[in-house]
Amino acid sequence: MRIRTTLATTAAALAIAVAPAFAVSPHFINASATLNADGSLSVSFKEVGLGNNQRIDYEADAMATATYQCFNRGGHNPSAGNKTTVLEDVSAFATFTSGRNGSVNGMLTIDPPGPGTFTCPPGQRLVGPFDVSYTDVSIIDTTNGITESIPGTFS
């Protein structure tokens, strides 16, 4: 009888000790991106297997292009030389808490690149971004070192 009790106690202790190791296995279930009317990119994702009530840091990355132009007071672009296209790595960061179910449903919004040092001549104003597009989009769980790529061009 004593052997059965010892074996049962040992088995229960092992089950409790091993269970958390198998329960925490972070991975993305889905990730997608949507271009917004203002030229920003929304990156949505779901990650599971994080463990309960864990703070997880995320980074959304992309390569973005945006065109800026100079317009005169009449609302016209007077010269083809009065525009620039910017190509830049862009990112957004946030921290989410996994909650009691060990998962995170989140969304980060990446803004398009700015015009850089491009300026307009006197009497004209800078307008844009126009023709915004994003490629090489990914969501990264920087806490656990997991990356999920989102294929496609968003423009």
N, C-alpha and C. Protein backbone atom coordinates (compact mmCIF):
# COMPACT_ATOMS: atom_id res chain seq x y z
N MET A 1 0.83 -1.18 0.00
CA MET A 1 0.00 0.00 0.00
C MET A 1 0.88 1.25 0.00
N ARG A 2 1.95 1.21 0.80
CA ARG A 2 2.86 2.34 0.89
C ARG A 2 3.54 2.61 -0.47
N ILE A 3 3.86 1.56 -1.22
CA ILE A 3 4.51 1.70 -2.52
C ILE A 3 3.55 2.38 -3.50
N ARG A 4 2.26 2.00 -3.48
CA ARG A 4 1.28 2.61 -4.36
C ARG A 4 1.13 4.10 -4.06
N THR A 5 1.09 4.46 -2.82
CA THR A 5 0.97 5.86 -2.42
C THR A 5 2.20 6.64 -2.87
N THR A 6 3.36 6.07 -2.68
CA THR A 6 4.61 6.72 -3.10
C THR A 6 4.63 6.90 -4.61
N LEU A 7 4.25 5.87 -5.35
CA LEU A 7 4.21 5.95 -6.81
C LEU A 7 3.19 6.97 -7.29
N ALA A 8 2.03 7.00 -6.69
CA ALA A 8 0.99 7.95 -7.06
C ALA A 8 1.43 9.38 -6.77
N THR A 9 2.06 9.59 -5.62
CA THR A 9 2.56 10.92 -5.27
C THR A 9 3.65 11.36 -6.23
N THR A 10 4.56 10.47 -6.56
CA THR A 10 5.65 10.78 -7.49
C THR A 10 5.10 11.10 -8.88
N ALA A 11 4.15 10.32 -9.34
CA ALA A 11 3.54 10.55 -10.66
C ALA A 11 2.83 11.89 -10.70
N ALA A 12 2.11 12.23 -9.65
CA ALA A 12 1.41 13.51 -9.59
C ALA A 12 2.39 14.67 -9.58
N ALA A 13 3.46 14.54 -8.83
CA ALA A 13 4.47 15.60 -8.78
C ALA A 13 5.12 15.80 -10.15
N LEU A 14 5.42 14.71 -10.84
CA LEU A 14 6.01 14.81 -12.18
C LEU A 14 5.03 15.45 -13.17
N ALA A 15 3.78 15.08 -13.09
CA ALA A 15 2.78 15.65 -13.99
C ALA A 15 2.65 17.16 -13.79
N ILE A 16 2.68 17.60 -12.55
CA ILE A 16 2.59 19.03 -12.25
C ILE A 16 3.85 19.75 -12.73
N ALA A 17 4.99 19.17 -12.53
CA ALA A 17 6.26 19.80 -12.92
C ALA A 17 6.43 19.86 -14.43
N VAL A 18 5.97 18.84 -15.15
CA VAL A 18 6.18 18.76 -16.58
C VAL A 18 5.10 19.52 -17.35
N ALA A 19 3.91 19.65 -16.83
CA ALA A 19 2.79 20.28 -17.55
C ALA A 19 3.11 21.69 -18.03
N PRO A 20 3.67 22.57 -17.21
CA PRO A 20 3.95 23.92 -17.71
C PRO A 20 4.94 23.91 -18.87
N ALA A 21 5.88 23.01 -18.88
CA ALA A 21 6.86 22.97 -19.96
C ALA A 21 6.18 22.66 -21.29
N PHE A 22 5.17 21.81 -21.29
CA PHE A 22 4.45 21.49 -22.52
C PHE A 22 3.40 22.54 -22.85
N ALA A 23 2.87 23.24 -21.88
CA ALA A 23 1.80 24.20 -22.10
C ALA A 23 2.30 25.48 -22.76
N VAL A 24 3.55 25.87 -22.57
CA VAL A 24 4.07 27.11 -23.11
C VAL A 24 4.88 26.79 -24.37
N SER A 25 4.28 27.09 -25.50
CA SER A 25 4.92 26.87 -26.80
C SER A 25 4.42 27.97 -27.74
N PRO A 26 4.98 29.18 -27.64
CA PRO A 26 4.44 30.30 -28.41
C PRO A 26 4.56 30.10 -29.92
N HIS A 27 3.47 30.44 -30.62
CA HIS A 27 3.47 30.43 -32.08
C HIS A 27 2.29 31.25 -32.60
N PHE A 28 2.47 31.81 -33.78
CA PHE A 28 1.41 32.59 -34.41
C PHE A 28 0.43 31.65 -35.10
N ILE A 29 -0.85 31.92 -34.88
CA ILE A 29 -1.91 31.16 -35.57
C ILE A 29 -2.26 31.85 -36.87
N ASN A 30 -2.29 33.18 -36.85
CA ASN A 30 -2.55 33.92 -38.08
C ASN A 30 -1.94 35.31 -37.98
N ALA A 31 -1.70 35.89 -39.14
CA ALA A 31 -1.19 37.26 -39.24
C ALA A 31 -1.61 37.79 -40.60
N SER A 32 -2.07 39.05 -40.63
CA SER A 32 -2.51 39.66 -41.88
C SER A 32 -2.24 41.16 -41.82
N ALA A 33 -2.32 41.79 -42.98
CA ALA A 33 -2.09 43.23 -43.06
C ALA A 33 -3.13 43.86 -43.97
N THR A 34 -3.51 45.10 -43.65
CA THR A 34 -4.50 45.85 -44.42
C THR A 34 -4.02 47.28 -44.58
N LEU A 35 -4.05 47.78 -45.81
CA LEU A 35 -3.70 49.17 -46.07
C LEU A 35 -4.89 50.05 -45.73
N ASN A 36 -4.67 51.08 -44.93
CA ASN A 36 -5.73 52.00 -44.52
C ASN A 36 -5.80 53.20 -45.47
N ALA A 37 -6.94 53.90 -45.46
CA ALA A 37 -7.16 55.04 -46.35
C ALA A 37 -6.13 56.16 -46.12
N ASP A 38 -5.60 56.28 -44.91
CA ASP A 38 -4.62 57.34 -44.62
C ASP A 38 -3.19 56.95 -44.99
N GLY A 39 -3.01 55.77 -45.60
CA GLY A 39 -1.68 55.32 -46.00
C GLY A 39 -0.95 54.49 -44.96
N SER A 40 -1.53 54.34 -43.79
CA SER A 40 -0.92 53.49 -42.76
C SER A 40 -1.26 52.03 -43.04
N LEU A 41 -0.54 51.13 -42.38
CA LEU A 41 -0.75 49.70 -42.55
C LEU A 41 -1.10 49.08 -41.20
N SER A 42 -2.24 48.39 -41.12
CA SER A 42 -2.63 47.69 -39.90
C SER A 42 -2.19 46.24 -40.00
N VAL A 43 -1.44 45.80 -39.01
CA VAL A 43 -0.95 44.42 -38.95
C VAL A 43 -1.68 43.73 -37.80
N SER A 44 -2.52 42.76 -38.13
CA SER A 44 -3.30 42.02 -37.13
C SER A 44 -2.72 40.62 -36.97
N PHE A 45 -2.83 40.09 -35.75
CA PHE A 45 -2.24 38.78 -35.50
C PHE A 45 -2.90 38.11 -34.31
N LYS A 46 -2.71 36.79 -34.24
CA LYS A 46 -3.07 36.01 -33.06
C LYS A 46 -1.91 35.08 -32.76
N GLU A 47 -1.43 35.13 -31.52
CA GLU A 47 -0.37 34.24 -31.06
C GLU A 47 -0.89 33.48 -29.85
N VAL A 48 -0.59 32.19 -29.81
CA VAL A 48 -1.04 31.32 -28.71
C VAL A 48 0.15 30.61 -28.10
N GLY A 49 -0.12 29.91 -27.01
CA GLY A 49 0.92 29.13 -26.34
C GLY A 49 1.89 29.98 -25.54
N LEU A 50 1.41 31.12 -25.05
CA LEU A 50 2.29 32.08 -24.38
C LEU A 50 2.37 31.89 -22.87
N GLY A 51 1.48 31.13 -22.30
CA GLY A 51 1.40 31.07 -20.84
C GLY A 51 0.44 32.17 -20.37
N ASN A 52 -0.09 32.00 -19.20
CA ASN A 52 -1.09 32.93 -18.68
C ASN A 52 -0.48 34.21 -18.15
N ASN A 53 -1.15 35.33 -18.46
CA ASN A 53 -0.80 36.65 -17.92
C ASN A 53 0.66 37.03 -18.14
N GLN A 54 1.14 36.80 -19.35
CA GLN A 54 2.52 37.16 -19.70
C GLN A 54 2.52 38.46 -20.50
N ARG A 55 3.46 39.34 -20.21
CA ARG A 55 3.64 40.56 -21.01
C ARG A 55 4.56 40.22 -22.18
N ILE A 56 4.04 40.45 -23.39
CA ILE A 56 4.77 40.10 -24.61
C ILE A 56 4.97 41.36 -25.44
N ASP A 57 6.22 41.60 -25.86
CA ASP A 57 6.55 42.75 -26.71
C ASP A 57 6.48 42.34 -28.17
N TYR A 58 5.87 43.21 -29.00
CA TYR A 58 5.71 42.94 -30.42
C TYR A 58 6.27 44.10 -31.25
N GLU A 59 6.73 43.74 -32.45
CA GLU A 59 7.20 44.72 -33.41
C GLU A 59 6.65 44.32 -34.78
N ALA A 60 6.00 45.27 -35.45
CA ALA A 60 5.56 45.06 -36.83
C ALA A 60 6.53 45.83 -37.72
N ASP A 61 7.07 45.17 -38.74
CA ASP A 61 8.07 45.76 -39.63
C ASP A 61 7.60 45.67 -41.07
N ALA A 62 8.07 46.63 -41.90
CA ALA A 62 7.80 46.59 -43.33
C ALA A 62 8.78 47.50 -44.06
N MET A 63 8.91 47.29 -45.35
CA MET A 63 9.60 48.21 -46.23
C MET A 63 8.51 49.02 -46.92
N ALA A 64 8.58 50.34 -46.82
CA ALA A 64 7.51 51.18 -47.35
C ALA A 64 8.04 52.20 -48.35
N THR A 65 7.21 52.49 -49.34
CA THR A 65 7.49 53.59 -50.27
C THR A 65 6.31 54.55 -50.22
N ALA A 66 6.62 55.83 -50.33
CA ALA A 66 5.58 56.86 -50.34
C ALA A 66 6.08 58.02 -51.19
N THR A 67 5.18 58.62 -51.94
CA THR A 67 5.51 59.75 -52.79
C THR A 67 4.91 61.02 -52.22
N TYR A 68 5.72 62.07 -52.18
CA TYR A 68 5.28 63.40 -51.73
C TYR A 68 5.45 64.36 -52.89
N GLN A 69 4.52 65.34 -53.00
CA GLN A 69 4.56 66.30 -54.10
C GLN A 69 4.33 67.71 -53.59
N CYS A 70 4.78 68.68 -54.39
CA CYS A 70 4.53 70.09 -54.11
C CYS A 70 3.37 70.56 -54.98
N PHE A 71 2.44 71.27 -54.36
CA PHE A 71 1.29 71.82 -55.08
C PHE A 71 1.28 73.33 -54.87
N ASN A 72 0.85 74.05 -55.94
CA ASN A 72 0.74 75.50 -55.81
C ASN A 72 -0.60 75.87 -55.18
N ARG A 73 -0.82 77.16 -55.01
CA ARG A 73 -2.07 77.61 -54.34
C ARG A 73 -3.32 77.22 -55.11
N GLY A 74 -3.19 77.00 -56.41
CA GLY A 74 -4.32 76.59 -57.23
C GLY A 74 -4.61 75.10 -57.14
N GLY A 75 -3.80 74.37 -56.38
CA GLY A 75 -4.03 72.94 -56.20
C GLY A 75 -3.43 72.09 -57.30
N HIS A 76 -2.48 72.64 -58.05
CA HIS A 76 -1.86 71.91 -59.15
C HIS A 76 -0.41 71.60 -58.80
N ASN A 77 0.08 70.51 -59.40
CA ASN A 77 1.48 70.15 -59.28
C ASN A 77 2.19 70.77 -60.47
N PRO A 78 2.88 71.91 -60.28
CA PRO A 78 3.39 72.67 -61.40
C PRO A 78 4.60 72.07 -62.10
N SER A 79 5.30 71.16 -61.48
CA SER A 79 6.51 70.64 -62.10
C SER A 79 6.71 69.19 -61.69
N ALA A 80 7.07 68.35 -62.66
CA ALA A 80 7.31 66.94 -62.36
C ALA A 80 8.48 66.78 -61.40
N GLY A 81 9.37 67.77 -61.35
CA GLY A 81 10.51 67.72 -60.44
C GLY A 81 10.14 68.03 -59.01
N ASN A 82 8.91 68.46 -58.79
CA ASN A 82 8.47 68.83 -57.45
C ASN A 82 7.83 67.65 -56.72
N LYS A 83 8.48 66.50 -56.79
CA LYS A 83 8.01 65.35 -56.03
C LYS A 83 9.19 64.47 -55.69
N THR A 84 8.97 63.65 -54.68
CA THR A 84 10.00 62.70 -54.27
C THR A 84 9.33 61.42 -53.81
N THR A 85 10.01 60.31 -54.03
CA THR A 85 9.55 59.02 -53.52
C THR A 85 10.54 58.56 -52.46
N VAL A 86 10.00 58.22 -51.31
CA VAL A 86 10.82 57.81 -50.17
C VAL A 86 10.68 56.30 -50.00
N LEU A 87 11.80 55.61 -49.81
CA LEU A 87 11.83 54.17 -49.53
C LEU A 87 12.50 54.01 -48.17
N GLU A 88 11.78 53.36 -47.23
CA GLU A 88 12.29 53.32 -45.86
C GLU A 88 11.74 52.12 -45.10
N ASP A 89 12.57 51.56 -44.19
CA ASP A 89 12.08 50.57 -43.23
C ASP A 89 11.21 51.29 -42.21
N VAL A 90 10.03 50.76 -41.94
CA VAL A 90 9.13 51.36 -40.97
C VAL A 90 8.69 50.30 -39.97
N SER A 91 8.36 50.73 -38.74
CA SER A 91 8.01 49.79 -37.67
C SER A 91 6.98 50.39 -36.74
N ALA A 92 6.34 49.52 -35.99
CA ALA A 92 5.46 49.91 -34.89
C ALA A 92 5.70 48.92 -33.75
N PHE A 93 5.57 49.39 -32.52
CA PHE A 93 5.86 48.57 -31.34
C PHE A 93 4.70 48.65 -30.35
N ALA A 94 4.48 47.55 -29.63
CA ALA A 94 3.47 47.53 -28.57
C ALA A 94 3.72 46.34 -27.65
N THR A 95 3.19 46.43 -26.45
CA THR A 95 3.23 45.34 -25.48
C THR A 95 1.80 44.93 -25.16
N PHE A 96 1.55 43.62 -25.21
CA PHE A 96 0.24 43.06 -24.89
C PHE A 96 0.40 42.05 -23.76
N THR A 97 -0.69 41.79 -23.04
CA THR A 97 -0.70 40.77 -21.99
C THR A 97 -1.53 39.60 -22.46
N SER A 98 -1.02 38.39 -22.26
CA SER A 98 -1.67 37.19 -22.80
C SER A 98 -2.98 36.83 -22.11
N GLY A 99 -3.22 37.29 -20.92
CA GLY A 99 -4.47 36.96 -20.24
C GLY A 99 -4.46 35.53 -19.72
N ARG A 100 -5.63 35.08 -19.28
CA ARG A 100 -5.73 33.76 -18.66
C ARG A 100 -5.71 32.61 -19.66
N ASN A 101 -5.92 32.92 -20.94
CA ASN A 101 -5.93 31.83 -21.92
C ASN A 101 -4.60 31.67 -22.64
N GLY A 102 -3.60 32.46 -22.30
CA GLY A 102 -2.27 32.30 -22.89
C GLY A 102 -2.15 32.70 -24.34
N SER A 103 -3.06 33.59 -24.79
CA SER A 103 -3.00 34.04 -26.18
C SER A 103 -3.12 35.55 -26.27
N VAL A 104 -2.70 36.08 -27.40
CA VAL A 104 -2.82 37.51 -27.68
C VAL A 104 -3.44 37.69 -29.06
N ASN A 105 -4.51 38.47 -29.11
CA ASN A 105 -5.07 38.97 -30.37
C ASN A 105 -4.68 40.43 -30.41
N GLY A 106 -3.92 40.84 -31.40
CA GLY A 106 -3.46 42.21 -31.41
C GLY A 106 -3.43 42.83 -32.79
N MET A 107 -3.20 44.14 -32.79
CA MET A 107 -3.05 44.88 -34.03
C MET A 107 -2.09 46.04 -33.78
N LEU A 108 -1.14 46.20 -34.67
CA LEU A 108 -0.22 47.34 -34.64
C LEU A 108 -0.40 48.10 -35.94
N THR A 109 -0.26 49.42 -35.88
CA THR A 109 -0.41 50.25 -37.07
C THR A 109 0.92 50.91 -37.39
N ILE A 110 1.38 50.66 -38.61
CA ILE A 110 2.63 51.23 -39.10
C ILE A 110 2.30 52.47 -39.93
N ASP A 111 2.94 53.58 -39.62
CA ASP A 111 2.75 54.80 -40.40
C ASP A 111 3.69 54.80 -41.61
N PRO A 112 3.27 55.46 -42.71
CA PRO A 112 4.15 55.53 -43.88
C PRO A 112 5.37 56.42 -43.57
N PRO A 113 6.41 56.28 -44.36
CA PRO A 113 7.58 57.14 -44.13
C PRO A 113 7.24 58.59 -44.44
N GLY A 114 7.93 59.48 -43.75
CA GLY A 114 7.75 60.91 -44.00
C GLY A 114 8.54 61.36 -45.22
N PRO A 115 8.47 62.65 -45.56
CA PRO A 115 9.13 63.15 -46.76
C PRO A 115 10.64 63.34 -46.62
N GLY A 116 11.18 63.06 -45.45
CA GLY A 116 12.62 63.25 -45.25
C GLY A 116 12.98 64.72 -45.32
N THR A 117 14.00 65.06 -46.07
CA THR A 117 14.46 66.44 -46.18
C THR A 117 13.83 67.17 -47.36
N PHE A 118 12.93 66.51 -48.08
CA PHE A 118 12.29 67.12 -49.25
C PHE A 118 11.45 68.32 -48.81
N THR A 119 11.65 69.45 -49.48
CA THR A 119 10.87 70.66 -49.19
C THR A 119 10.37 71.25 -50.50
N CYS A 120 9.39 72.10 -50.39
CA CYS A 120 8.81 72.76 -51.56
C CYS A 120 9.32 74.19 -51.66
N PRO A 121 9.35 74.72 -52.90
CA PRO A 121 9.76 76.11 -53.07
C PRO A 121 8.72 77.06 -52.50
N PRO A 122 9.07 78.32 -52.29
CA PRO A 122 8.10 79.29 -51.77
C PRO A 122 6.85 79.34 -52.65
N GLY A 123 5.71 79.46 -52.00
CA GLY A 123 4.44 79.54 -52.70
C GLY A 123 3.81 78.19 -52.98
N GLN A 124 4.50 77.09 -52.60
CA GLN A 124 3.94 75.76 -52.80
C GLN A 124 3.89 75.03 -51.46
N ARG A 125 3.00 74.04 -51.37
CA ARG A 125 2.87 73.29 -50.13
C ARG A 125 3.11 71.80 -50.40
N LEU A 126 3.63 71.14 -49.39
CA LEU A 126 3.93 69.72 -49.47
C LEU A 126 2.65 68.93 -49.23
N VAL A 127 2.37 67.99 -50.11
CA VAL A 127 1.17 67.16 -49.99
C VAL A 127 1.59 65.69 -50.11
N GLY A 128 0.95 64.86 -49.35
CA GLY A 128 1.22 63.43 -49.42
C GLY A 128 1.04 62.80 -48.06
N PRO A 129 1.28 61.58 -47.97
CA PRO A 129 1.89 60.72 -48.99
C PRO A 129 0.87 60.22 -50.02
N PHE A 130 1.37 60.04 -51.24
CA PHE A 130 0.62 59.42 -52.34
C PHE A 130 1.28 58.09 -52.65
N ASP A 131 0.55 57.23 -53.33
CA ASP A 131 1.11 55.97 -53.82
C ASP A 131 1.91 55.23 -52.75
N VAL A 132 1.31 55.03 -51.60
CA VAL A 132 1.98 54.31 -50.51
C VAL A 132 1.88 52.81 -50.76
N SER A 133 2.99 52.11 -50.56
CA SER A 133 2.96 50.64 -50.64
C SER A 133 3.93 50.06 -49.61
N TYR A 134 3.61 48.83 -49.19
CA TYR A 134 4.39 48.12 -48.19
C TYR A 134 4.72 46.73 -48.70
N THR A 135 5.95 46.29 -48.47
CA THR A 135 6.38 44.92 -48.78
C THR A 135 7.18 44.40 -47.59
N ASP A 136 7.55 43.14 -47.64
CA ASP A 136 8.36 42.51 -46.58
C ASP A 136 7.78 42.76 -45.19
N VAL A 137 6.48 42.57 -45.07
CA VAL A 137 5.77 42.82 -43.80
C VAL A 137 5.94 41.62 -42.88
N SER A 138 6.18 41.88 -41.60
CA SER A 138 6.27 40.80 -40.62
C SER A 138 5.83 41.29 -39.25
N ILE A 139 5.43 40.34 -38.43
CA ILE A 139 5.12 40.60 -37.03
C ILE A 139 6.10 39.78 -36.21
N ILE A 140 6.69 40.40 -35.20
CA ILE A 140 7.73 39.74 -34.40
C ILE A 140 7.34 39.77 -32.93
N ASP A 141 7.34 38.62 -32.31
CA ASP A 141 7.23 38.51 -30.85
C ASP A 141 8.68 38.64 -30.37
N THR A 142 9.06 39.83 -29.94
CA THR A 142 10.46 40.06 -29.55
C THR A 142 10.78 39.44 -28.20
N THR A 143 9.77 39.17 -27.39
CA THR A 143 9.99 38.53 -26.09
C THR A 143 10.47 37.09 -26.27
N ASN A 144 9.85 36.37 -27.21
CA ASN A 144 10.17 34.96 -27.43
C ASN A 144 10.98 34.71 -28.70
N GLY A 145 11.28 35.77 -29.47
CA GLY A 145 12.09 35.62 -30.67
C GLY A 145 11.40 34.87 -31.80
N ILE A 146 10.11 35.15 -32.02
CA ILE A 146 9.34 34.45 -33.05
C ILE A 146 8.88 35.46 -34.10
N THR A 147 9.10 35.14 -35.37
CA THR A 147 8.71 36.04 -36.47
C THR A 147 7.74 35.34 -37.40
N GLU A 148 6.73 36.07 -37.82
CA GLU A 148 5.76 35.58 -38.80
C GLU A 148 5.74 36.56 -39.96
N SER A 149 6.09 36.09 -41.15
CA SER A 149 6.07 36.93 -42.35
C SER A 149 4.65 36.99 -42.91
N ILE A 150 4.33 38.14 -43.48
CA ILE A 150 3.03 38.34 -44.13
C ILE A 150 3.31 38.63 -45.60
N PRO A 151 3.10 37.65 -46.49
CA PRO A 151 3.48 37.83 -47.88
C PRO A 151 2.58 38.83 -48.61
N GLY A 152 3.12 39.40 -49.66
CA GLY A 152 2.35 40.27 -50.53
C GLY A 152 2.83 41.71 -50.52
N THR A 153 2.24 42.47 -51.43
CA THR A 153 2.45 43.91 -51.52
C THR A 153 1.13 44.57 -51.19
N PHE A 154 1.18 45.55 -50.30
CA PHE A 154 -0.03 46.23 -49.85
C PHE A 154 0.05 47.67 -50.35
N SER A 155 -0.78 47.98 -51.37
CA SER A 155 -0.76 49.33 -51.94
C SER A 155 -2.14 49.75 -52.39
